[in-house]
Amino acid sequence: MSEEAKKQKQIIIDEIREKLDGAQSAVIIDYMGTTVAEADAMRKMMREADVDYTVYKNTLMKRAVEGTDFEKLAEVMQGPSAIAISKTDATAPARILKKAIDDFKKMEFKAGVVEGAFYDKEGIEQIASIPSREELIAKFMGSIQSPVGKFVRTLAAIADAKPAEADAE
């Protein structure tokens, strides 16, 4: 192999390592069967969620994950593989890929690492079912507001009823 080819490969390995540095999660999928239009739609969803989705050669990905928290991912890097990486939302790659898998009826999870823990295909599918942080906060706020709102409406009903009784006398 020429020195130029080695340099080019090292640039890609360094790029992958840079993307993984500080990442909360990385998910590997088998992307076979997707059309260009489906892949573009999925990439758009990924960009909107600040998730990096890229297809690399398995050998380069394996070298890039050596000695990192993502090293166990090398075990599933056979055949067509793509990687989705998030530095901001640990469940975003799995959640978005799950939506794409459900929508397109193609692709499948291989494995992933979320916050330092390795998950096989089944584990990543479970991670994918966890709502986003924003959804969880909204549900929590809704559950807090519901009893308070009911209490306020009850007090308002009592207050509205009092003047009517006073007018009747």
Protein backbone atom coordinates (compact mmCIF):
# COMPACT_ATOMS: atom_id res chain seq x y z
CA MET A 1 0.00 0.00 0.00
CA SER A 2 1.37 3.40 -0.92
CA GLU A 3 2.15 6.04 1.65
CA GLU A 4 -0.51 8.27 0.10
CA ALA A 5 -3.19 5.60 0.56
CA LYS A 6 -2.12 5.10 4.20
CA LYS A 7 -2.37 8.85 4.80
CA GLN A 8 -5.87 8.97 3.28
CA LYS A 9 -7.03 6.08 5.47
CA GLN A 10 -5.51 7.69 8.57
CA ILE A 11 -7.39 10.92 7.82
CA ILE A 12 -10.68 8.99 7.78
CA ILE A 13 -9.79 7.09 10.98
CA ASP A 14 -8.98 10.40 12.69
CA GLU A 15 -12.28 11.86 11.44
CA ILE A 16 -14.24 8.96 12.96
CA ARG A 17 -12.33 9.24 16.26
CA GLU A 18 -13.04 12.98 16.38
CA LYS A 19 -16.77 12.34 15.90
CA LEU A 20 -16.72 9.71 18.66
CA ASP A 21 -14.75 11.92 21.06
CA GLY A 22 -17.25 13.14 23.64
CA ALA A 23 -20.16 11.30 22.00
CA GLN A 24 -22.96 10.10 24.26
CA SER A 25 -23.94 7.30 21.89
CA ALA A 26 -23.15 5.52 18.66
CA VAL A 27 -25.39 3.02 16.86
CA ILE A 28 -24.39 0.67 14.05
CA ILE A 29 -27.02 -0.39 11.50
CA ASP A 30 -27.20 -2.53 8.40
CA TYR A 31 -28.42 0.00 5.84
CA MET A 32 -28.97 -2.36 2.89
CA GLY A 33 -32.12 -1.99 0.87
CA THR A 34 -32.65 1.74 1.31
CA THR A 35 -33.18 3.86 -1.76
CA VAL A 36 -31.39 7.15 -2.27
CA ALA A 37 -34.59 9.06 -1.45
CA GLU A 38 -35.07 7.09 1.80
CA ALA A 39 -31.44 7.61 2.78
CA ASP A 40 -31.76 11.35 2.11
CA ALA A 41 -34.94 11.57 4.20
CA MET A 42 -33.24 9.71 7.05
CA ARG A 43 -30.15 11.92 6.87
CA LYS A 44 -32.40 15.00 7.06
CA MET A 45 -34.05 13.64 10.23
CA MET A 46 -30.60 12.94 11.66
CA ARG A 47 -29.30 16.45 10.90
CA GLU A 48 -32.37 18.02 12.52
CA ALA A 49 -31.65 16.02 15.70
CA ASP A 50 -27.93 16.91 15.59
CA VAL A 51 -26.95 13.29 14.89
CA ASP A 52 -24.06 12.44 12.57
CA TYR A 53 -24.89 9.55 10.21
CA THR A 54 -22.15 8.26 7.93
CA VAL A 55 -21.19 5.13 6.02
CA TYR A 56 -17.53 4.15 6.40
CA LYS A 57 -15.54 1.06 5.52
CA ASN A 58 -15.72 -1.47 8.36
CA THR A 59 -11.94 -1.81 8.57
CA LEU A 60 -11.54 1.94 9.09
CA MET A 61 -14.33 2.04 11.71
CA LYS A 62 -12.74 -0.91 13.54
CA ARG A 63 -9.41 0.90 13.70
CA ALA A 64 -11.09 4.11 14.86
CA VAL A 65 -12.91 2.47 17.78
CA GLU A 66 -9.83 0.61 19.07
CA GLY A 67 -9.08 1.69 22.63
CA THR A 68 -12.27 3.75 23.02
CA ASP A 69 -15.55 3.26 24.88
CA PHE A 70 -16.98 2.19 21.52
CA GLU A 71 -14.52 -0.70 20.98
CA LYS A 72 -17.16 -3.44 21.37
CA LEU A 73 -18.92 -2.12 18.25
CA ALA A 74 -16.13 -3.69 16.17
CA GLU A 75 -17.71 -7.10 16.88
CA VAL A 76 -20.75 -6.28 14.70
CA MET A 77 -18.97 -4.51 11.87
CA GLN A 78 -19.46 -7.04 9.10
CA GLY A 79 -21.30 -6.44 5.87
CA PRO A 80 -22.83 -3.08 5.07
CA SER A 81 -22.57 -0.87 8.16
CA ALA A 82 -23.38 2.74 8.90
CA ILE A 83 -22.82 4.61 12.14
CA ALA A 84 -25.02 7.23 13.80
CA ILE A 85 -23.34 9.34 16.49
CA SER A 86 -24.80 11.86 18.92
CA LYS A 87 -22.96 14.14 21.32
CA THR A 88 -26.10 15.81 22.69
CA ASP A 89 -28.91 13.23 23.07
CA ALA A 90 -27.96 9.68 24.04
CA THR A 91 -31.13 8.10 22.67
CA ALA A 92 -31.51 10.17 19.49
CA PRO A 93 -29.61 7.89 17.07
CA ALA A 94 -31.54 4.79 18.11
CA ARG A 95 -34.88 6.63 18.22
CA ILE A 96 -34.50 8.22 14.77
CA LEU A 97 -33.15 5.04 13.17
CA LYS A 98 -36.07 3.08 14.67
CA LYS A 99 -38.50 5.54 13.05
CA ALA A 100 -36.70 5.12 9.71
CA ILE A 101 -36.72 1.32 10.04
CA ASP A 102 -40.46 1.39 10.80
CA ASP A 103 -41.20 3.83 7.96
CA PHE A 104 -39.11 2.16 5.26
CA LYS A 105 -39.40 -1.48 6.42
CA LYS A 106 -35.71 -1.82 5.61
CA MET A 107 -32.44 -1.72 7.53
CA GLU A 108 -31.85 -3.22 10.94
CA PHE A 109 -29.93 -2.46 14.09
CA LYS A 110 -26.65 -4.27 14.70
CA ALA A 111 -25.61 -2.84 18.09
CA GLY A 112 -24.79 0.38 19.89
CA VAL A 113 -23.06 2.04 22.79
CA VAL A 114 -25.14 4.43 24.87
CA GLU A 115 -23.44 6.40 27.65
CA GLY A 116 -20.58 3.88 27.79
CA ALA A 117 -22.75 0.73 27.91
CA PHE A 118 -22.79 -1.75 25.00
CA TYR A 119 -26.20 -2.92 23.76
CA ASP A 120 -26.89 -5.67 21.27
CA LYS A 121 -29.63 -5.45 18.64
CA GLU A 122 -32.46 -6.14 21.13
CA GLY A 123 -31.01 -3.70 23.67
CA ILE A 124 -30.79 -0.90 21.11
CA GLU A 125 -34.38 -1.55 20.05
CA GLN A 126 -35.41 -1.02 23.69
CA ILE A 127 -33.32 2.17 23.91
CA ALA A 128 -35.09 3.37 20.75
CA SER A 129 -38.44 3.24 22.58
CA ILE A 130 -37.31 5.75 25.22
CA PRO A 131 -38.87 9.18 24.56
CA SER A 132 -36.61 12.18 23.99
CA ARG A 133 -35.57 14.37 26.90
CA GLU A 134 -37.97 17.09 25.75
CA GLU A 135 -40.88 14.63 25.58
CA LEU A 136 -40.11 13.35 29.08
CA ILE A 137 -39.97 16.89 30.47
CA ALA A 138 -43.25 17.78 28.76
CA LYS A 139 -44.94 14.69 30.20
CA PHE A 140 -43.57 15.49 33.66
CA MET A 141 -44.72 19.10 33.48
CA GLY A 142 -48.14 17.97 32.28
CA SER A 143 -48.48 15.59 35.19
CA ILE A 144 -47.55 18.36 37.62
CA GLN A 145 -49.88 20.92 36.03
CA SER A 146 -52.90 18.63 35.90
CA PRO A 147 -53.62 18.51 39.68
CA VAL A 148 -52.78 22.20 40.10
CA GLY A 149 -55.10 23.16 37.24
CA LYS A 150 -57.90 21.03 38.68
CA PHE A 151 -57.42 22.70 42.09
CA VAL A 152 -57.53 26.19 40.54
CA ARG A 153 -60.71 25.35 38.59
CA THR A 154 -62.33 24.03 41.79
CA LEU A 155 -61.45 27.23 43.68
CA ALA A 156 -62.80 29.32 40.80
CA ALA A 157 -66.06 27.34 40.84
CA ILE A 158 -66.40 27.88 44.60
CA ALA A 159 -65.66 31.59 44.22
CA ASP A 160 -68.23 31.91 41.42
CA ALA A 161 -70.85 30.11 43.52
CA LYS A 162 -70.40 32.37 46.59
CA PRO A 163 -71.67 35.64 45.03
CA ALA A 164 -74.71 33.86 43.62
CA GLU A 165 -75.66 32.68 47.14
CA ALA A 166 -75.15 36.18 48.56
CA ASP A 167 -77.44 37.69 45.89
CA ALA A 168 -80.16 35.16 46.71
CA GLU A 169 -80.49 36.43 50.32
